Amino acid sequence: HVQLVESGGASVQAGTSLRLSCTYSGFSFDDSDLGWYRQTPEKECELVSSIGTDERTYHADSVKGRLAISQDHAKNTVYLQMNSLKSEDTALYYCATRPAGWYYFGFWGQGTQVTVS
């Protein structure tokens, strides 16, 4: 069964840093893309960052230069390093995966809350 468990969320001050972690299991890791989505208090969801099977990365324009995705295959973990946090980064952050053959990220974790004040 596909499982993605996020951790690392916290309430922090603007300008500080935070690193989110997502440990995954239950699917073919080598054939799947991984990504981070976030849901704002207004309940709008957006793709923040993703990393492909070839380790190619994508970052939304709103987070380029501040947030970065990385993956540790040995630990079955994907990270989101968050620097220079802004109030608009406040959201529920989800880890998600796109299995081989899928056109979108169809499996999401439960999310971890990040609040920036």
N, C-alpha and C. Protein backbone atom coordinates (compact mmCIF):
# COMPACT_ATOMS: atom_id res chain seq x y z
N HIS A 1 0.85 -1.18 0.00
CA HIS A 1 0.00 0.00 0.00
C HIS A 1 0.89 1.24 0.00
N VAL A 2 0.51 2.20 -0.81
CA VAL A 2 1.26 3.44 -0.91
C VAL A 2 1.13 4.23 0.38
N GLN A 3 2.26 4.62 0.93
CA GLN A 3 2.27 5.44 2.13
C GLN A 3 3.29 6.56 1.98
N LEU A 4 2.88 7.75 2.34
CA LEU A 4 3.77 8.91 2.37
C LEU A 4 3.50 9.65 3.67
N VAL A 5 4.53 9.81 4.46
CA VAL A 5 4.39 10.42 5.78
C VAL A 5 5.28 11.64 5.88
N GLU A 6 4.64 12.81 5.99
CA GLU A 6 5.37 14.07 6.10
C GLU A 6 5.68 14.40 7.56
N SER A 7 6.74 15.15 7.76
CA SER A 7 7.09 15.62 9.09
C SER A 7 7.95 16.88 8.96
N GLY A 8 8.11 17.59 10.06
CA GLY A 8 8.97 18.76 10.08
C GLY A 8 8.25 20.09 10.10
N GLY A 9 6.95 20.08 9.94
CA GLY A 9 6.20 21.33 9.95
C GLY A 9 6.24 21.98 11.32
N ALA A 10 6.16 23.31 11.34
CA ALA A 10 6.21 24.05 12.59
C ALA A 10 5.72 25.47 12.40
N SER A 11 5.55 26.17 13.50
CA SER A 11 5.23 27.59 13.48
C SER A 11 6.53 28.34 13.67
N VAL A 12 6.89 29.15 12.68
CA VAL A 12 8.17 29.85 12.71
C VAL A 12 8.00 31.32 12.35
N GLN A 13 9.07 32.07 12.58
CA GLN A 13 9.09 33.49 12.24
C GLN A 13 9.51 33.69 10.79
N ALA A 14 9.02 34.73 10.18
CA ALA A 14 9.43 35.06 8.83
C ALA A 14 10.94 35.25 8.76
N GLY A 15 11.53 34.78 7.66
CA GLY A 15 12.96 34.91 7.48
C GLY A 15 13.77 33.73 7.98
N THR A 16 13.13 32.81 8.68
CA THR A 16 13.82 31.64 9.20
C THR A 16 13.76 30.48 8.22
N SER A 17 14.37 29.36 8.59
CA SER A 17 14.43 28.18 7.74
C SER A 17 13.77 26.98 8.38
N LEU A 18 13.39 26.04 7.54
CA LEU A 18 12.73 24.83 7.99
C LEU A 18 12.98 23.76 6.94
N ARG A 19 13.05 22.50 7.36
CA ARG A 19 13.18 21.41 6.40
C ARG A 19 12.11 20.37 6.64
N LEU A 20 11.32 20.14 5.62
CA LEU A 20 10.28 19.14 5.69
C LEU A 20 10.81 17.81 5.17
N SER A 21 10.32 16.72 5.73
CA SER A 21 10.73 15.39 5.31
C SER A 21 9.51 14.57 4.94
N CYS A 22 9.69 13.67 4.00
CA CYS A 22 8.63 12.76 3.61
C CYS A 22 9.23 11.38 3.41
N THR A 23 8.81 10.44 4.24
CA THR A 23 9.25 9.07 4.11
C THR A 23 8.18 8.28 3.39
N TYR A 24 8.57 7.54 2.37
CA TYR A 24 7.60 6.85 1.54
C TYR A 24 7.84 5.35 1.48
N SER A 25 6.78 4.62 1.12
CA SER A 25 6.85 3.17 0.99
C SER A 25 5.63 2.68 0.21
N GLY A 26 5.69 1.43 -0.22
CA GLY A 26 4.53 0.82 -0.85
C GLY A 26 4.39 1.00 -2.34
N PHE A 27 5.43 1.46 -3.02
CA PHE A 27 5.38 1.60 -4.47
C PHE A 27 6.78 1.46 -5.05
N SER A 28 6.85 1.41 -6.36
CA SER A 28 8.14 1.27 -7.04
C SER A 28 8.83 2.63 -7.07
N PHE A 29 9.69 2.84 -6.10
CA PHE A 29 10.33 4.15 -5.94
C PHE A 29 11.14 4.59 -7.16
N ASP A 30 11.84 3.66 -7.77
CA ASP A 30 12.71 4.00 -8.90
C ASP A 30 11.93 4.40 -10.15
N ASP A 31 10.64 4.08 -10.21
CA ASP A 31 9.82 4.39 -11.37
C ASP A 31 8.82 5.51 -11.10
N SER A 32 8.98 6.20 -9.98
CA SER A 32 8.01 7.20 -9.58
C SER A 32 8.63 8.57 -9.35
N ASP A 33 7.86 9.61 -9.72
CA ASP A 33 8.25 10.97 -9.42
C ASP A 33 7.71 11.34 -8.04
N LEU A 34 8.35 12.29 -7.39
CA LEU A 34 7.91 12.76 -6.08
C LEU A 34 7.76 14.27 -6.10
N GLY A 35 6.84 14.77 -5.30
CA GLY A 35 6.63 16.21 -5.28
C GLY A 35 6.04 16.71 -3.98
N TRP A 36 6.10 18.02 -3.84
CA TRP A 36 5.51 18.69 -2.70
C TRP A 36 4.42 19.64 -3.18
N TYR A 37 3.23 19.48 -2.63
CA TYR A 37 2.12 20.38 -2.86
C TYR A 37 1.83 21.13 -1.57
N ARG A 38 1.16 22.26 -1.68
CA ARG A 38 0.73 22.94 -0.47
C ARG A 38 -0.68 23.49 -0.65
N GLN A 39 -1.43 23.45 0.45
CA GLN A 39 -2.78 23.97 0.49
C GLN A 39 -2.78 25.17 1.42
N THR A 40 -3.10 26.34 0.88
CA THR A 40 -3.12 27.57 1.65
C THR A 40 -4.35 27.61 2.55
N PRO A 41 -4.39 28.57 3.48
CA PRO A 41 -5.59 28.73 4.32
C PRO A 41 -6.84 28.97 3.50
N GLU A 42 -6.67 29.50 2.29
CA GLU A 42 -7.80 29.71 1.39
C GLU A 42 -8.17 28.42 0.65
N LYS A 43 -7.47 27.35 0.98
CA LYS A 43 -7.71 26.01 0.44
C LYS A 43 -7.35 25.87 -1.03
N GLU A 44 -6.48 26.74 -1.52
CA GLU A 44 -5.98 26.61 -2.88
C GLU A 44 -4.73 25.73 -2.86
N CYS A 45 -4.68 24.75 -3.74
CA CYS A 45 -3.55 23.84 -3.80
C CYS A 45 -2.65 24.15 -5.00
N GLU A 46 -1.35 24.05 -4.78
CA GLU A 46 -0.41 24.26 -5.86
C GLU A 46 0.78 23.32 -5.72
N LEU A 47 1.36 22.98 -6.84
CA LEU A 47 2.58 22.19 -6.83
C LEU A 47 3.75 23.12 -6.52
N VAL A 48 4.45 22.84 -5.44
CA VAL A 48 5.57 23.66 -5.02
C VAL A 48 6.85 23.22 -5.71
N SER A 49 7.09 21.93 -5.70
CA SER A 49 8.32 21.39 -6.25
C SER A 49 8.16 19.91 -6.55
N SER A 50 8.96 19.41 -7.48
CA SER A 50 8.94 17.99 -7.80
C SER A 50 10.31 17.54 -8.26
N ILE A 51 10.53 16.23 -8.16
CA ILE A 51 11.77 15.65 -8.62
C ILE A 51 11.44 14.38 -9.39
N GLY A 52 12.02 14.25 -10.58
CA GLY A 52 11.72 13.13 -11.44
C GLY A 52 12.63 11.94 -11.24
N THR A 53 12.33 10.88 -11.97
CA THR A 53 13.14 9.67 -11.87
C THR A 53 14.57 9.90 -12.34
N ASP A 54 14.76 10.89 -13.19
CA ASP A 54 16.09 11.27 -13.65
C ASP A 54 16.71 12.35 -12.78
N GLU A 55 16.08 12.61 -11.65
CA GLU A 55 16.51 13.62 -10.68
C GLU A 55 16.43 15.04 -11.23
N ARG A 56 15.61 15.23 -12.26
CA ARG A 56 15.33 16.56 -12.75
C ARG A 56 14.33 17.20 -11.79
N THR A 57 14.51 18.47 -11.49
CA THR A 57 13.65 19.14 -10.52
C THR A 57 12.85 20.28 -11.12
N TYR A 58 11.73 20.56 -10.48
CA TYR A 58 10.87 21.68 -10.84
C TYR A 58 10.56 22.45 -9.57
N HIS A 59 10.55 23.76 -9.68
CA HIS A 59 10.17 24.61 -8.56
C HIS A 59 9.26 25.72 -9.08
N ALA A 60 8.18 25.95 -8.38
CA ALA A 60 7.27 27.02 -8.74
C ALA A 60 8.00 28.36 -8.66
N ASP A 61 7.61 29.29 -9.53
CA ASP A 61 8.27 30.60 -9.56
C ASP A 61 8.23 31.30 -8.21
N SER A 62 7.17 31.08 -7.46
CA SER A 62 7.00 31.75 -6.18
C SER A 62 7.99 31.29 -5.11
N VAL A 63 8.64 30.15 -5.35
CA VAL A 63 9.55 29.62 -4.33
C VAL A 63 10.98 29.45 -4.82
N LYS A 64 11.24 29.74 -6.09
CA LYS A 64 12.59 29.59 -6.63
C LYS A 64 13.58 30.44 -5.85
N GLY A 65 14.70 29.82 -5.49
CA GLY A 65 15.72 30.51 -4.73
C GLY A 65 15.54 30.44 -3.24
N ARG A 66 14.37 29.96 -2.80
CA ARG A 66 14.10 29.86 -1.36
C ARG A 66 13.80 28.44 -0.91
N LEU A 67 13.06 27.72 -1.71
CA LEU A 67 12.69 26.34 -1.39
C LEU A 67 13.32 25.41 -2.42
N ALA A 68 13.79 24.25 -1.95
CA ALA A 68 14.43 23.30 -2.84
C ALA A 68 14.14 21.86 -2.43
N ILE A 69 13.86 21.04 -3.43
CA ILE A 69 13.56 19.64 -3.18
C ILE A 69 14.82 18.80 -3.36
N SER A 70 14.91 17.73 -2.60
CA SER A 70 16.02 16.78 -2.73
C SER A 70 15.54 15.41 -2.29
N GLN A 71 16.28 14.38 -2.65
CA GLN A 71 15.86 13.02 -2.34
C GLN A 71 17.03 12.17 -1.88
N ASP A 72 16.79 11.35 -0.87
CA ASP A 72 17.76 10.39 -0.38
C ASP A 72 17.17 9.02 -0.63
N HIS A 73 17.60 8.38 -1.71
CA HIS A 73 17.05 7.09 -2.09
C HIS A 73 17.28 6.01 -1.03
N ALA A 74 18.44 6.03 -0.40
CA ALA A 74 18.77 5.03 0.60
C ALA A 74 17.83 5.08 1.80
N LYS A 75 17.35 6.27 2.11
CA LYS A 75 16.45 6.45 3.25
C LYS A 75 14.98 6.51 2.86
N ASN A 76 14.70 6.35 1.56
CA ASN A 76 13.32 6.45 1.07
C ASN A 76 12.68 7.74 1.57
N THR A 77 13.41 8.82 1.40
CA THR A 77 12.96 10.10 1.93
C THR A 77 13.18 11.23 0.93
N VAL A 78 12.21 12.11 0.83
CA VAL A 78 12.33 13.30 0.01
C VAL A 78 12.20 14.50 0.95
N TYR A 79 12.97 15.55 0.68
CA TYR A 79 13.00 16.71 1.55
C TYR A 79 12.57 17.97 0.80
N LEU A 80 12.13 18.94 1.58
CA LEU A 80 11.88 20.27 1.06
C LEU A 80 12.58 21.25 2.00
N GLN A 81 13.71 21.77 1.55
CA GLN A 81 14.44 22.76 2.33
C GLN A 81 13.81 24.11 2.10
N MET A 82 13.40 24.77 3.16
CA MET A 82 12.69 26.03 3.08
C MET A 82 13.50 27.12 3.76
N ASN A 83 13.96 28.09 2.99
CA ASN A 83 14.74 29.20 3.51
C ASN A 83 14.01 30.52 3.28
N SER A 84 14.37 31.51 4.06
CA SER A 84 13.78 32.85 3.94
C SER A 84 12.27 32.78 3.87
N LEU A 85 11.68 32.09 4.80
CA LEU A 85 10.25 31.87 4.80
C LEU A 85 9.46 33.17 4.89
N LYS A 86 8.35 33.20 4.18
CA LYS A 86 7.45 34.34 4.16
C LYS A 86 6.08 33.93 4.68
N SER A 87 5.30 34.91 5.07
CA SER A 87 3.96 34.62 5.57
C SER A 87 3.12 33.88 4.53
N GLU A 88 3.34 34.19 3.26
CA GLU A 88 2.58 33.53 2.21
C GLU A 88 2.95 32.07 2.01
N ASP A 89 4.00 31.61 2.71
CA ASP A 89 4.36 30.20 2.66
C ASP A 89 3.51 29.37 3.63
N THR A 90 2.72 30.05 4.44
CA THR A 90 1.85 29.36 5.39
C THR A 90 0.89 28.45 4.63
N ALA A 91 0.93 27.17 4.95
CA ALA A 91 0.10 26.20 4.25
C ALA A 91 0.27 24.82 4.86
N LEU A 92 -0.60 23.92 4.44
CA LEU A 92 -0.46 22.52 4.77
C LEU A 92 0.31 21.90 3.62
N TYR A 93 1.49 21.36 3.91
CA TYR A 93 2.35 20.82 2.87
C TYR A 93 2.19 19.31 2.75
N TYR A 94 1.96 18.88 1.53
CA TYR A 94 1.76 17.46 1.23
C TYR A 94 2.88 16.90 0.38
N CYS A 95 3.27 15.70 0.68
CA CYS A 95 4.18 14.93 -0.16
C CYS A 95 3.32 14.06 -1.07
N ALA A 96 3.70 13.97 -2.33
CA ALA A 96 2.90 13.20 -3.27
C ALA A 96 3.79 12.46 -4.26
N THR A 97 3.23 11.44 -4.88
CA THR A 97 3.98 10.66 -5.86
C THR A 97 3.17 10.42 -7.12
N ARG A 98 3.89 10.35 -8.25
CA ARG A 98 3.29 10.00 -9.53
C ARG A 98 3.90 8.66 -9.94
N PRO A 99 3.17 7.58 -9.76
CA PRO A 99 3.70 6.26 -10.14
C PRO A 99 3.89 6.16 -11.64
N ALA A 100 4.69 5.20 -12.05
CA ALA A 100 4.91 4.97 -13.47
C ALA A 100 3.59 4.73 -14.18
N GLY A 101 3.40 5.41 -15.30
CA GLY A 101 2.18 5.25 -16.08
C GLY A 101 1.07 6.22 -15.71
N TRP A 102 1.25 6.98 -14.66
CA TRP A 102 0.26 7.97 -14.24
C TRP A 102 0.58 9.33 -14.87
N TYR A 103 -0.46 10.12 -15.12
CA TYR A 103 -0.29 11.43 -15.71
C TYR A 103 -0.22 12.56 -14.68
N TYR A 104 -0.45 12.23 -13.43
CA TYR A 104 -0.47 13.23 -12.37
C TYR A 104 -0.06 12.60 -11.05
N PHE A 105 0.15 13.44 -10.06
CA PHE A 105 0.51 12.98 -8.71
C PHE A 105 -0.77 12.55 -8.01
N GLY A 106 -1.01 11.27 -7.97
CA GLY A 106 -2.27 10.74 -7.47
C GLY A 106 -2.30 10.28 -6.03
N PHE A 107 -1.15 10.11 -5.42
CA PHE A 107 -1.09 9.67 -4.02
C PHE A 107 -0.45 10.74 -3.17
N TRP A 108 -1.17 11.15 -2.14
CA TRP A 108 -0.71 12.20 -1.23
C TRP A 108 -0.66 11.68 0.20
N GLY A 109 0.21 12.28 1.00
CA GLY A 109 0.26 11.97 2.42
C GLY A 109 -0.78 12.78 3.17
N GLN A 110 -0.69 12.76 4.50
CA GLN A 110 -1.65 13.48 5.33
C GLN A 110 -1.32 14.96 5.49
N GLY A 111 -0.08 15.33 5.21
CA GLY A 111 0.31 16.72 5.27
C GLY A 111 0.97 17.11 6.58
N THR A 112 1.77 18.17 6.52
CA THR A 112 2.39 18.74 7.71
C THR A 112 2.23 20.25 7.63
N GLN A 113 1.82 20.86 8.72
CA GLN A 113 1.48 22.27 8.75
C GLN A 113 2.70 23.16 8.94
N VAL A 114 2.80 24.18 8.11
CA VAL A 114 3.83 25.21 8.24
C VAL A 114 3.12 26.54 8.41
N THR A 115 3.42 27.23 9.49
CA THR A 115 2.84 28.53 9.76
C THR A 115 3.96 29.55 9.94
N VAL A 116 3.92 30.60 9.14
CA VAL A 116 4.95 31.64 9.19
C VAL A 116 4.30 32.95 9.62
N SER A 117 4.81 33.53 10.69
CA SER A 117 4.25 34.77 11.21
C SER A 117 5.28 35.87 11.33
